[in-house]
Amino acid sequence: MEYVGFITLGIFILAVVGTLFKKIPLPLQTVMILVTIVNVIIGGVAHLTLHEGGGLAAAKLLPAKVMGGIIIHPLTALLAGLLIAGALSASGGFDAIKVIISKLRKSPIGMAGTVAIIVQLPLMSALPCGRILAAALLPVIFSFGPEEMGVLNKRQLIILTGAYARNAFGSCGPSPLGGVGAIGEGFLGKIGYLRAPQAFSLLIGTALVALFLKFLTTKLYPDDVKVKDESNTASRDIKVTAPVKGYISLGIFVVTLVVALFEVLGKVPVQTPLVLGAILIMIVAKLNLEDLMSGIILMPATAMVSGFLAAGSLAATGGFDALGLIFNGVAGTWLGTAGMIAILVQVQTILPLSCSRILTAAFVPVLYLLGPAGTGLLTATQLAIVMSAYIINATTSCGPSPLGGGGMMAEGAIRAETGYLRPAFSFASLAFMPILAAVVMKVMKFNTFHEATTSLGASLNVILITVVLLAVNIVLFKILANMVTSGQVTPRILYFILFSIGGAISGGMLAYLIDMTSIIQIVQGAIGGVIAGNLMVLMTPRGQEYSLEYEDSVEMKA
């Protein structure tokens, strides 16, 4: 039966890659359901025909095993989060947020302070899907641009939109309302354990994306955003209003969020306060079921279910066992465990899908089995650190996805070419955020109460590492941008160089953070990171189009 697992795993990977390159013209959820059906059929035939298959009795159990792959808690928490978000949207709560933002701009904190709050608002809101708040606030951000209020020029608008999108389409990870991180926390056995590493890395990672857009993207491709740059026009005011019930609903939502986050009601499921909050908003705002449903985005829920089903089909047919054998085999090569981990952590940004829950549901069990409960390649502490790095990379992977990923919402909002924001998103997920998450997990979670480490000392260590990483990346961006603008390399070559360097730093540091501190292990981790970075560039068809556009423009200028 062992080879059956390799067959079903191969079908799953081919389906993902085929969809990513648009060779399969179907929604990803549909593809995952079809993969599940095909895998179950293959597994059933194998059980019936092979001597060691178990016969009809084993074949009958396959559907139940597949359904057993659905993890109920994150799914029901997600649905409850979408329910209260839908109620907030239908009652005018998001309009109330827009009014508050408009007033903040005229307050003592000014436009700079308002922008800082807007960019981090998705992370502060902790909603189960970044699309919920993005759908409401991306038009607000665009209104600050040169075509409406005129308080931001074109370049500033691009940077703000990209930074906001990065924060939004990663905020589903640390969300306690059925966030993606809950899948990893469930396997680690402690809900909320990954929240701080994810939140901190996303907080700072948002700034790195803004820097990438400032130093590279807007300089290399200034004409790929079809927004009129009228930066010299006078600032114009646009009146924004919200109904009273919108403010009341927003207040109920904030209270509900506090109750859910800080367990004010005691040890009750997070779904309970969310559903109660949604019902209260419905009563206060006099909403009917149709109003409520119109504000709910079902894509994340269907993505999670289809991902769990595909993962269940792999588990039931030996696909995970096959994947585990592959990773164990890689760990036994010259790449070693450090190199294998460096690639595994980046796998979801290499294959970015429309919702990170799809592959997270499939790969987290494999990662877990590398720990003490499985092959024992990683200790419990190492597993937790690697899981924190993997989860933030996974949750941010919907941003650069060309398959209806969240980043496409932002690109559409500023009328940019498809894939315009993808390099910035992918690079931050490769070279920066996983390392910060791993640092926070190692230094704050495991060493804070160690005799030799104070909480203040641990915090200072995290801050120092963060500042050094930011400084290194800024220098790297400036050097490479100058190389491109001077005609030394094309953008395509630039990305190979940039992602190779970023991957090497990321893989090497991750190896060091999980106590693989020998020179050989650090080099193995760095090589694994380089492989992951180059795979990201190779899996980006959009980069080829940029390269051709750049070369054509150079020829025309010459």
Protein backbone atom coordinates (compact mmCIF):
# COMPACT_ATOMS: atom_id res chain seq x y z
CA MET A 1 0.00 0.00 0.00
CA GLU A 2 2.98 2.31 0.40
CA TYR A 3 3.13 3.30 -3.25
CA VAL A 4 -0.57 4.29 -3.16
CA GLY A 5 0.39 7.15 -0.85
CA PHE A 6 2.95 8.42 -3.36
CA ILE A 7 0.30 8.29 -6.12
CA THR A 8 -2.30 10.28 -4.13
CA LEU A 9 0.37 12.75 -2.98
CA GLY A 10 1.48 13.20 -6.59
CA ILE A 11 -2.10 13.88 -7.68
CA PHE A 12 -2.47 16.49 -4.93
CA ILE A 13 0.77 18.30 -5.84
CA LEU A 14 0.02 18.23 -9.58
CA ALA A 15 -3.44 19.67 -8.91
CA VAL A 16 -2.00 22.50 -6.81
CA VAL A 17 0.73 23.37 -9.34
CA GLY A 18 -1.67 23.04 -12.28
CA THR A 19 -4.11 25.42 -10.64
CA LEU A 20 -1.33 27.85 -9.72
CA PHE A 21 -0.21 28.08 -13.35
CA LYS A 22 -3.85 28.24 -14.52
CA LYS A 23 -3.64 24.96 -16.43
CA ILE A 24 -6.72 23.80 -14.51
CA PRO A 25 -9.49 26.38 -15.13
CA LEU A 26 -11.47 25.64 -11.97
CA PRO A 27 -11.83 27.28 -8.54
CA LEU A 28 -9.29 25.89 -6.11
CA GLN A 29 -11.98 24.57 -3.77
CA THR A 30 -13.47 22.56 -6.64
CA VAL A 31 -10.05 21.17 -7.49
CA MET A 32 -9.49 20.09 -3.89
CA ILE A 33 -12.87 18.33 -3.78
CA LEU A 34 -12.05 16.52 -7.05
CA VAL A 35 -8.65 15.53 -5.65
CA THR A 36 -10.41 14.14 -2.58
CA ILE A 37 -12.81 12.07 -4.70
CA VAL A 38 -10.04 10.73 -6.96
CA ASN A 39 -7.84 9.85 -3.99
CA VAL A 40 -10.68 8.03 -2.23
CA ILE A 41 -11.41 6.04 -5.39
CA ILE A 42 -7.73 5.10 -5.77
CA GLY A 43 -7.54 4.14 -2.10
CA GLY A 44 -10.72 2.09 -2.36
CA VAL A 45 -9.48 0.21 -5.42
CA ALA A 46 -6.17 -0.47 -3.68
CA HIS A 47 -7.94 -1.86 -0.60
CA LEU A 48 -10.09 -4.13 -2.75
CA THR A 49 -7.41 -5.44 -5.10
CA LEU A 50 -4.18 -5.61 -3.12
CA HIS A 51 -3.42 -8.53 -0.85
CA GLU A 52 -2.44 -6.28 2.06
CA GLY A 53 -5.23 -3.78 1.34
CA GLY A 54 -7.75 -4.97 3.92
CA GLY A 55 -10.59 -5.74 1.54
CA LEU A 56 -14.12 -4.34 1.44
CA ALA A 57 -14.23 -3.48 5.15
CA ALA A 58 -11.19 -1.19 4.84
CA ALA A 59 -12.56 0.41 1.67
CA LYS A 60 -15.85 1.24 3.41
CA LEU A 61 -13.97 3.08 6.15
CA LEU A 62 -12.21 5.46 3.73
CA PRO A 63 -14.97 8.14 3.56
CA ALA A 64 -15.17 8.22 7.35
CA LYS A 65 -11.39 8.63 7.60
CA VAL A 66 -11.52 11.51 5.13
CA MET A 67 -14.29 13.27 7.08
CA GLY A 68 -12.26 12.72 10.22
CA GLY A 69 -9.64 15.04 8.74
CA ILE A 70 -11.91 18.04 9.34
CA ILE A 71 -10.87 19.88 12.51
CA ILE A 72 -14.07 21.36 13.90
CA HIS A 73 -12.76 24.08 16.25
CA PRO A 74 -11.03 26.41 13.74
CA LEU A 75 -13.88 25.88 11.28
CA THR A 76 -16.67 26.77 13.72
CA ALA A 77 -14.62 29.67 15.11
CA LEU A 78 -14.12 30.94 11.56
CA LEU A 79 -17.85 30.70 10.84
CA ALA A 80 -18.65 32.53 14.09
CA GLY A 81 -16.12 35.23 13.21
CA LEU A 82 -17.59 35.62 9.74
CA LEU A 83 -21.06 35.79 11.28
CA ILE A 84 -20.27 38.73 13.56
CA ALA A 85 -18.25 40.43 10.80
CA GLY A 86 -21.24 40.05 8.47
CA ALA A 87 -23.49 41.59 11.12
CA LEU A 88 -21.04 44.48 11.58
CA SER A 89 -20.92 45.09 7.82
CA ALA A 90 -24.70 44.96 7.38
CA SER A 91 -25.35 47.33 10.29
CA GLY A 92 -22.94 50.06 9.11
CA GLY A 93 -20.14 49.26 11.55
CA PHE A 94 -17.48 49.55 8.86
CA ASP A 95 -18.90 52.96 7.89
CA ALA A 96 -18.38 54.00 11.50
CA ILE A 97 -14.73 52.93 11.23
CA LYS A 98 -14.38 55.11 8.12
CA VAL A 99 -15.76 58.14 9.98
CA ILE A 100 -13.39 57.56 12.90
CA ILE A 101 -10.43 57.35 10.49
CA SER A 102 -11.52 60.58 8.81
CA LYS A 103 -11.64 62.35 12.19
CA LEU A 104 -8.26 60.94 13.25
CA ARG A 105 -6.67 62.56 10.19
CA LYS A 106 -7.68 65.98 11.52
CA SER A 107 -6.60 65.19 15.09
CA PRO A 108 -3.17 66.00 16.64
CA ILE A 109 -1.71 62.69 15.37
CA GLY A 110 -2.22 63.96 11.81
CA MET A 111 -2.03 61.98 8.61
CA ALA A 112 1.16 60.14 9.60
CA GLY A 113 -0.38 58.78 12.79
CA THR A 114 -3.61 57.94 11.02
CA VAL A 115 -1.74 55.98 8.36
CA ALA A 116 0.15 54.03 11.05
CA ILE A 117 -3.16 53.06 12.67
CA ILE A 118 -4.84 52.16 9.37
CA VAL A 119 -1.99 49.88 8.31
CA GLN A 120 -2.11 47.89 11.57
CA LEU A 121 -5.90 47.92 11.94
CA PRO A 122 -6.41 44.39 10.54
CA LEU A 123 -3.94 42.95 13.05
CA MET A 124 -5.62 44.86 15.89
CA SER A 125 -9.08 43.73 14.77
CA ALA A 126 -8.04 40.06 14.75
CA LEU A 127 -10.75 38.98 12.31
CA PRO A 128 -10.65 35.42 10.92
CA CYS A 129 -10.06 36.61 7.34
CA GLY A 130 -8.25 39.71 6.13
CA ARG A 131 -10.67 40.11 3.23
CA ILE A 132 -13.42 41.21 5.63
CA LEU A 133 -11.81 44.49 6.69
CA ALA A 134 -9.92 44.93 3.41
CA ALA A 135 -13.17 45.05 1.45
CA ALA A 136 -14.30 47.90 3.70
CA LEU A 137 -11.10 49.94 4.02
CA LEU A 138 -9.29 49.63 0.68
CA PRO A 139 -11.72 52.16 -0.87
CA VAL A 140 -11.05 54.46 2.12
CA ILE A 141 -7.30 54.23 1.53
CA PHE A 142 -7.77 54.94 -2.18
CA SER A 143 -9.80 58.05 -1.29
CA PHE A 144 -6.64 59.55 0.28
CA GLY A 145 -4.94 59.37 -3.14
CA PRO A 146 -4.46 61.99 -5.86
CA GLU A 147 -7.73 61.20 -7.65
CA GLU A 148 -9.91 62.04 -4.62
CA MET A 149 -8.75 63.83 -1.44
CA GLY A 150 -5.23 64.42 -2.76
CA VAL A 151 -3.50 64.05 0.62
CA LEU A 152 -1.25 61.29 -0.79
CA ASN A 153 0.60 61.22 -4.10
CA LYS A 154 0.65 58.15 -6.34
CA ARG A 155 3.80 56.62 -4.83
CA GLN A 156 2.58 57.14 -1.27
CA LEU A 157 -0.76 55.57 -2.17
CA ILE A 158 0.96 52.47 -3.60
CA ILE A 159 3.12 52.04 -0.49
CA LEU A 160 0.20 52.53 1.92
CA THR A 161 -2.06 50.15 -0.01
CA GLY A 162 0.63 47.47 -0.22
CA ALA A 163 1.54 47.74 3.46
CA TYR A 164 -2.12 47.60 4.49
CA ALA A 165 -2.70 44.57 2.26
CA ARG A 166 0.30 42.78 3.77
CA ASN A 167 -1.06 43.37 7.26
CA ALA A 168 -4.61 42.41 6.32
CA PHE A 169 -3.74 39.24 4.42
CA GLY A 170 -1.77 37.81 7.30
CA SER A 171 -3.98 38.92 10.18
CA CYS A 172 -6.01 35.71 9.92
CA GLY A 173 -3.03 33.86 11.43
CA PRO A 174 -2.99 35.24 14.99
CA SER A 175 -6.77 35.68 15.05
CA PRO A 176 -8.38 33.77 17.95
CA LEU A 177 -11.61 33.70 15.94
CA GLY A 178 -10.77 30.61 13.92
CA GLY A 179 -7.47 31.95 12.61
CA VAL A 180 -5.06 29.81 10.60
CA GLY A 181 -2.70 29.64 13.56
CA ALA A 182 -5.30 27.65 15.48
CA ILE A 183 -4.51 24.65 13.25
CA GLY A 184 -0.88 24.64 14.38
CA GLU A 185 -1.84 25.41 17.99
CA GLY A 186 -4.19 22.43 17.98
CA PHE A 187 -1.31 20.09 17.15
CA LEU A 188 0.97 21.74 19.72
CA GLY A 189 -1.78 21.30 22.30
CA LYS A 190 -2.11 24.90 23.48
CA ILE A 191 -4.50 27.45 21.96
CA GLY A 192 -2.97 30.91 21.67
CA TYR A 193 0.61 29.61 21.82
CA LEU A 194 1.56 30.92 18.36
CA ARG A 195 -0.31 34.22 18.58
CA ALA A 196 2.49 36.48 19.87
CA PRO A 197 5.16 35.28 17.39
CA GLN A 198 2.74 35.76 14.50
CA ALA A 199 1.52 39.17 15.63
CA PHE A 200 5.01 40.60 16.18
CA SER A 201 6.41 39.31 12.91
CA LEU A 202 3.40 40.64 10.99
CA LEU A 203 3.64 44.01 12.76
CA ILE A 204 7.25 44.51 11.64
CA GLY A 205 6.87 42.60 8.37
CA THR A 206 4.33 45.19 7.27
CA ALA A 207 7.08 47.82 7.52
CA LEU A 208 9.46 45.69 5.43
CA VAL A 209 6.87 45.41 2.65
CA ALA A 210 6.53 49.21 2.68
CA LEU A 211 10.31 49.55 2.37
CA PHE A 212 10.41 47.02 -0.49
CA LEU A 213 7.73 48.97 -2.35
CA LYS A 214 9.51 52.28 -1.69
CA PHE A 215 13.03 51.25 -2.73
CA LEU A 216 12.29 48.66 -5.43
CA THR A 217 8.78 48.20 -6.82
CA THR A 218 7.77 51.84 -7.32
CA LYS A 219 11.15 52.62 -8.89
CA LEU A 220 11.25 49.63 -11.20
CA TYR A 221 7.63 49.72 -12.36
CA PRO A 222 6.28 53.28 -11.94
CA ASP A 223 3.83 52.95 -14.83
CA ASP A 224 2.18 49.65 -13.86
CA VAL A 225 -0.31 51.44 -11.60
CA LYS A 226 -2.97 53.30 -13.57
CA VAL A 227 -3.59 56.07 -11.04
CA LYS A 228 -3.29 59.70 -12.11
CA ASP A 229 -0.49 61.37 -10.21
CA GLU A 230 -1.91 64.77 -9.36
CA SER A 231 0.20 65.32 -6.27
CA ASN A 232 0.27 69.09 -6.75
CA THR A 233 -3.50 69.48 -6.53
CA ALA A 234 -4.96 70.94 -3.36
CA SER A 235 -6.22 68.55 -0.71
CA ARG A 236 -9.95 67.93 -0.98
CA ASP A 237 -12.31 66.78 1.74
CA ILE A 238 -14.86 64.02 1.15
CA LYS A 239 -17.66 63.75 3.68
CA VAL A 240 -18.08 60.30 5.23
CA THR A 241 -21.14 59.42 7.32
CA ALA A 242 -22.36 56.43 9.31
CA PRO A 243 -25.71 55.57 10.94
CA VAL A 244 -26.07 55.57 14.73
CA LYS A 245 -26.63 51.81 14.70
CA GLY A 246 -23.23 51.49 13.01
CA TYR A 247 -21.49 53.05 16.03
CA ILE A 248 -23.50 50.88 18.42
CA SER A 249 -22.66 47.76 16.41
CA LEU A 250 -18.98 48.71 16.37
CA GLY A 251 -19.07 49.13 20.16
CA ILE A 252 -20.68 45.70 20.56
CA PHE A 253 -18.06 44.20 18.26
CA VAL A 254 -15.17 45.71 20.26
CA VAL A 255 -16.65 44.46 23.55
CA THR A 256 -17.20 41.01 22.04
CA LEU A 257 -13.62 40.92 20.80
CA VAL A 258 -12.29 41.84 24.25
CA VAL A 259 -14.46 39.16 25.88
CA ALA A 260 -13.26 36.54 23.39
CA LEU A 261 -9.58 37.51 23.58
CA PHE A 262 -9.26 37.85 27.36
CA GLU A 263 -11.72 35.09 28.38
CA VAL A 264 -13.84 37.48 30.44
CA LEU A 265 -16.58 34.84 30.66
CA GLY A 266 -14.11 32.20 31.80
CA LYS A 267 -13.14 29.06 29.95
CA VAL A 268 -15.88 29.11 27.34
CA PRO A 269 -15.39 28.38 23.63
CA VAL A 270 -14.47 31.48 21.62
CA GLN A 271 -17.49 30.78 19.42
CA THR A 272 -19.89 31.56 22.29
CA PRO A 273 -19.22 35.32 22.72
CA LEU A 274 -18.95 35.75 18.94
CA VAL A 275 -22.37 34.26 18.27
CA LEU A 276 -23.89 36.20 21.18
CA GLY A 277 -22.34 39.41 19.85
CA ALA A 278 -23.71 38.75 16.36
CA ILE A 279 -27.21 38.11 17.76
CA LEU A 280 -27.04 41.31 19.83
CA ILE A 281 -26.01 43.34 16.76
CA MET A 282 -28.87 41.78 14.79
CA ILE A 283 -31.36 42.80 17.50
CA VAL A 284 -30.01 46.34 17.96
CA ALA A 285 -29.66 47.05 14.23
CA LYS A 286 -32.89 45.20 13.36
CA LEU A 287 -31.18 43.02 10.78
CA ASN A 288 -32.83 40.16 8.97
CA LEU A 289 -31.10 36.99 7.82
CA GLU A 290 -30.70 38.31 4.28
CA ASP A 291 -28.86 41.42 5.55
CA LEU A 292 -26.59 39.23 7.63
CA MET A 293 -25.72 36.79 4.85
CA SER A 294 -24.90 39.61 2.42
CA GLY A 295 -21.97 40.65 4.60
CA ILE A 296 -20.47 37.18 5.02
CA ILE A 297 -17.50 36.10 2.88
CA LEU A 298 -17.78 32.32 2.48
CA MET A 299 -14.55 31.72 0.53
CA PRO A 300 -12.32 31.22 3.61
CA ALA A 301 -14.78 28.70 5.07
CA THR A 302 -15.09 26.70 1.85
CA ALA A 303 -11.31 26.85 1.44
CA MET A 304 -10.80 25.46 4.92
CA VAL A 305 -13.30 22.64 4.40
CA SER A 306 -11.88 21.67 1.00
CA GLY A 307 -8.36 21.80 2.42
CA PHE A 308 -9.32 19.57 5.33
CA LEU A 309 -11.00 17.11 2.95
CA ALA A 310 -7.95 16.95 0.68
CA ALA A 311 -5.74 16.52 3.75
CA GLY A 312 -8.07 13.79 5.00
CA SER A 313 -7.83 11.95 1.69
CA LEU A 314 -4.03 12.07 1.92
CA ALA A 315 -4.08 10.81 5.49
CA ALA A 316 -6.49 7.98 4.65
CA THR A 317 -4.51 6.78 1.63
CA GLY A 318 -0.99 7.14 3.00
CA GLY A 319 -0.16 10.44 1.32
CA PHE A 320 1.16 11.98 4.54
CA ASP A 321 3.28 8.90 5.17
CA ALA A 322 4.74 9.32 1.68
CA LEU A 323 5.39 13.02 2.28
CA GLY A 324 7.04 12.20 5.58
CA LEU A 325 9.27 9.66 3.83
CA ILE A 326 10.22 12.30 1.25
CA PHE A 327 11.17 14.87 3.89
CA ASN A 328 13.02 12.24 5.90
CA GLY A 329 14.84 11.28 2.71
CA VAL A 330 15.79 14.91 2.08
CA ALA A 331 17.01 15.18 5.67
CA GLY A 332 19.28 12.21 4.99
CA THR A 333 20.95 13.90 2.02
CA TRP A 334 23.64 16.58 1.95
CA LEU A 335 20.91 19.14 2.78
CA GLY A 336 20.43 17.60 6.20
CA THR A 337 17.58 18.31 8.60
CA ALA A 338 18.41 22.03 8.62
CA GLY A 339 18.11 22.34 4.83
CA MET A 340 14.93 20.29 4.76
CA ILE A 341 13.33 22.48 7.45
CA ALA A 342 14.35 25.64 5.57
CA ILE A 343 12.43 24.43 2.51
CA LEU A 344 9.43 23.03 4.42
CA VAL A 345 8.88 26.32 6.28
CA GLN A 346 8.63 28.17 2.94
CA VAL A 347 6.46 25.67 1.05
CA GLN A 348 3.23 27.70 1.16
CA THR A 349 4.84 30.84 -0.26
CA ILE A 350 6.40 28.67 -2.96
CA LEU A 351 2.88 27.41 -3.77
CA PRO A 352 0.66 30.37 -2.77
CA LEU A 353 -3.03 29.48 -2.88
CA SER A 354 -6.13 31.65 -2.57
CA CYS A 355 -6.50 30.74 1.10
CA SER A 356 -3.65 29.53 3.29
CA ARG A 357 -5.93 27.15 5.18
CA ILE A 358 -5.90 24.69 2.26
CA LEU A 359 -2.23 23.71 2.44
CA THR A 360 -1.93 24.44 6.16
CA ALA A 361 -4.46 21.72 6.87
CA ALA A 362 -2.42 19.36 4.70
CA PHE A 363 1.15 20.18 5.80
CA VAL A 364 0.87 20.87 9.54
CA PRO A 365 0.28 17.16 10.33
CA VAL A 366 3.45 16.34 8.37
CA LEU A 367 5.43 18.97 10.26
CA TYR A 368 4.04 17.68 13.57
CA LEU A 369 5.19 14.14 12.74
CA LEU A 370 8.77 15.38 12.44
CA GLY A 371 8.62 15.90 16.21
CA PRO A 372 8.60 13.50 19.17
CA ALA A 373 5.21 12.04 18.17
CA GLY A 374 6.62 10.86 14.83
CA THR A 375 10.12 10.49 13.46
CA GLY A 376 11.81 12.41 16.26
CA LEU A 377 13.91 14.57 13.92
CA LEU A 378 12.91 17.58 16.05
CA THR A 379 12.54 17.95 19.80
CA ALA A 380 9.37 19.45 21.26
CA THR A 381 11.07 22.85 21.61
CA GLN A 382 12.46 22.76 18.08
CA LEU A 383 9.05 21.74 16.74
CA ALA A 384 7.36 24.73 18.42
CA ILE A 385 9.95 27.15 16.98
CA VAL A 386 9.68 25.67 13.49
CA MET A 387 5.88 25.65 13.74
CA SER A 388 5.86 29.39 14.57
CA ALA A 389 8.02 30.11 11.50
CA TYR A 390 5.90 27.85 9.29
CA ILE A 391 2.55 29.27 10.39
CA ILE A 392 3.40 32.94 9.73
CA ASN A 393 4.74 31.98 6.30
CA ALA A 394 1.55 30.00 5.68
CA THR A 395 -0.90 32.66 6.83
CA THR A 396 0.71 35.35 4.68
CA SER A 397 0.75 33.16 1.56
CA CYS A 398 -2.71 34.18 0.34
CA GLY A 399 -1.37 37.69 -0.27
CA PRO A 400 0.93 36.86 -3.22
CA SER A 401 -1.37 34.17 -4.64
CA PRO A 402 -2.42 34.74 -8.28
CA LEU A 403 -5.41 32.42 -7.74
CA GLY A 404 -7.73 35.04 -6.30
CA GLY A 405 -5.43 35.76 -3.38
CA GLY A 406 -5.98 38.71 -1.09
CA GLY A 407 -3.25 40.76 -2.75
CA MET A 408 -5.30 40.90 -5.94
CA MET A 409 -7.90 42.95 -4.04
CA ALA A 410 -5.24 45.56 -3.27
CA GLU A 411 -3.87 45.50 -6.82
CA GLY A 412 -7.38 46.02 -8.15
CA ALA A 413 -7.98 48.89 -5.72
CA ILE A 414 -5.04 50.88 -7.13
CA ARG A 415 -5.54 49.59 -10.70
CA ALA A 416 -2.16 47.85 -10.73
CA GLU A 417 -0.98 45.05 -12.99
CA THR A 418 -1.72 41.58 -11.58
CA GLY A 419 1.31 40.43 -9.59
CA TYR A 420 2.55 43.98 -8.92
CA LEU A 421 2.68 43.47 -5.14
CA ARG A 422 3.69 39.80 -5.21
CA PRO A 423 7.51 40.20 -5.00
CA ALA A 424 7.24 42.41 -1.91
CA PHE A 425 4.82 40.02 -0.20
CA SER A 426 6.84 36.91 -1.08
CA PHE A 427 10.18 38.38 -0.01
CA ALA A 428 8.86 39.43 3.40
CA SER A 429 7.43 35.94 3.91
CA LEU A 430 10.72 34.34 2.85
CA ALA A 431 13.43 36.41 4.47
CA PHE A 432 11.93 38.29 7.38
CA MET A 433 8.71 37.23 9.07
CA PRO A 434 9.50 33.53 9.73
CA ILE A 435 12.76 34.54 11.41
CA LEU A 436 11.07 37.12 13.63
CA ALA A 437 8.39 34.59 14.62
CA ALA A 438 11.07 32.01 15.45
CA VAL A 439 13.06 34.58 17.44
CA VAL A 440 10.02 35.58 19.50
CA MET A 441 9.11 31.94 20.11
CA LYS A 442 12.64 31.00 21.19
CA VAL A 443 13.61 34.10 23.16
CA MET A 444 10.27 35.12 24.69
CA LYS A 445 8.46 31.80 25.08
CA PHE A 446 11.28 29.49 26.11
CA ASN A 447 14.02 31.69 27.57
CA THR A 448 12.14 34.50 29.32
CA PHE A 449 11.97 32.70 32.67
CA HIS A 450 15.36 31.06 32.38
CA GLU A 451 17.71 31.97 35.24
CA ALA A 452 20.15 33.73 32.91
CA THR A 453 17.54 35.70 31.01
CA THR A 454 15.21 38.46 32.23
CA SER A 455 12.07 39.46 30.38
CA LEU A 456 13.63 42.89 29.69
CA GLY A 457 16.77 41.28 28.34
CA ALA A 458 14.75 38.97 26.12
CA SER A 459 12.76 41.91 24.76
CA LEU A 460 15.94 43.87 24.03
CA ASN A 461 17.39 40.87 22.20
CA VAL A 462 14.29 40.64 19.99
CA ILE A 463 14.40 44.39 19.27
CA LEU A 464 18.13 44.27 18.43
CA ILE A 465 17.69 41.36 16.00
CA THR A 466 14.73 43.13 14.38
CA VAL A 467 16.65 46.39 13.88
CA VAL A 468 19.67 44.57 12.42
CA LEU A 469 17.49 42.60 9.98
CA LEU A 470 15.69 45.77 8.86
CA ALA A 471 18.99 47.58 8.34
CA VAL A 472 20.46 44.71 6.31
CA ASN A 473 17.38 44.58 4.09
CA ILE A 474 17.34 48.35 3.48
CA VAL A 475 20.99 48.28 2.38
CA LEU A 476 20.27 45.28 0.15
CA PHE A 477 17.25 46.99 -1.45
CA LYS A 478 19.23 50.15 -2.21
CA ILE A 479 22.19 48.30 -3.73
CA LEU A 480 20.04 46.10 -5.97
CA ALA A 481 17.77 48.98 -7.03
CA ASN A 482 20.82 50.94 -8.16
CA MET A 483 22.07 47.90 -10.10
CA VAL A 484 18.79 47.65 -12.01
CA THR A 485 18.35 51.35 -12.72
CA SER A 486 21.94 51.53 -13.99
CA GLY A 487 21.20 48.67 -16.40
CA GLN A 488 23.57 46.13 -14.81
CA VAL A 489 20.84 43.49 -14.29
CA THR A 490 17.21 42.96 -15.30
CA PRO A 491 14.46 42.78 -12.67
CA ARG A 492 14.24 39.00 -13.23
CA ILE A 493 17.92 38.54 -12.34
CA LEU A 494 17.49 40.99 -9.47
CA TYR A 495 14.79 38.80 -7.95
CA PHE A 496 16.97 35.68 -8.21
CA ILE A 497 19.79 37.53 -6.43
CA LEU A 498 17.52 39.10 -3.82
CA PHE A 499 15.57 35.93 -3.02
CA SER A 500 18.78 33.86 -2.90
CA ILE A 501 20.34 36.22 -0.35
CA GLY A 502 17.12 36.47 1.64
CA GLY A 503 16.63 32.71 1.60
CA ALA A 504 20.21 32.08 2.71
CA ILE A 505 19.88 34.46 5.68
CA SER A 506 16.49 33.00 6.61
CA GLY A 507 17.54 29.34 6.36
CA GLY A 508 20.82 29.87 8.19
CA MET A 509 19.22 31.83 11.03
CA LEU A 510 16.40 29.31 11.41
CA ALA A 511 18.96 26.50 11.75
CA TYR A 512 20.77 28.50 14.43
CA LEU A 513 17.54 29.27 16.30
CA ILE A 514 16.65 25.57 16.58
CA ASP A 515 20.10 24.87 18.04
CA MET A 516 21.63 23.43 14.88
CA THR A 517 24.64 25.61 15.49
CA SER A 518 27.50 23.83 13.74
CA ILE A 519 28.91 25.50 10.63
CA ILE A 520 27.76 22.57 8.48
CA GLN A 521 24.18 22.76 9.78
CA ILE A 522 23.97 26.53 9.30
CA VAL A 523 25.32 26.19 5.75
CA GLN A 524 22.79 23.41 5.08
CA GLY A 525 20.00 25.69 6.31
CA ALA A 526 21.28 28.53 4.13
CA ILE A 527 21.38 26.27 1.05
CA GLY A 528 17.83 25.10 1.77
CA GLY A 529 16.76 28.74 2.02
CA VAL A 530 18.42 29.54 -1.32
CA ILE A 531 16.56 26.65 -2.95
CA ALA A 532 13.27 27.88 -1.46
CA GLY A 533 13.91 31.45 -2.63
CA ASN A 534 14.72 30.40 -6.18
CA LEU A 535 11.64 28.17 -6.30
CA MET A 536 9.54 31.22 -5.37
CA VAL A 537 10.94 33.16 -8.31
CA LEU A 538 10.51 30.21 -10.67
CA MET A 539 6.90 29.76 -9.53
CA THR A 540 6.13 33.39 -10.40
CA PRO A 541 5.10 33.60 -14.06
CA ARG A 542 4.41 37.31 -13.54
CA GLY A 543 8.12 37.98 -13.02
CA GLN A 544 8.87 36.84 -16.58
CA GLU A 545 6.40 39.37 -17.97
CA TYR A 546 8.00 42.13 -15.90
CA SER A 547 11.42 41.16 -17.20
CA LEU A 548 10.23 41.33 -20.81
CA GLU A 549 8.51 44.66 -20.23
CA TYR A 550 11.68 46.05 -18.68
CA GLU A 551 13.88 44.85 -21.55
CA ASP A 552 11.47 46.29 -24.13
CA SER A 553 11.43 49.65 -22.37
CA VAL A 554 15.25 49.71 -22.25
CA GLU A 555 15.43 48.97 -26.00
CA MET A 556 12.92 51.73 -26.75
CA LYS A 557 14.87 54.26 -24.70
CA ALA A 558 18.11 53.24 -26.41
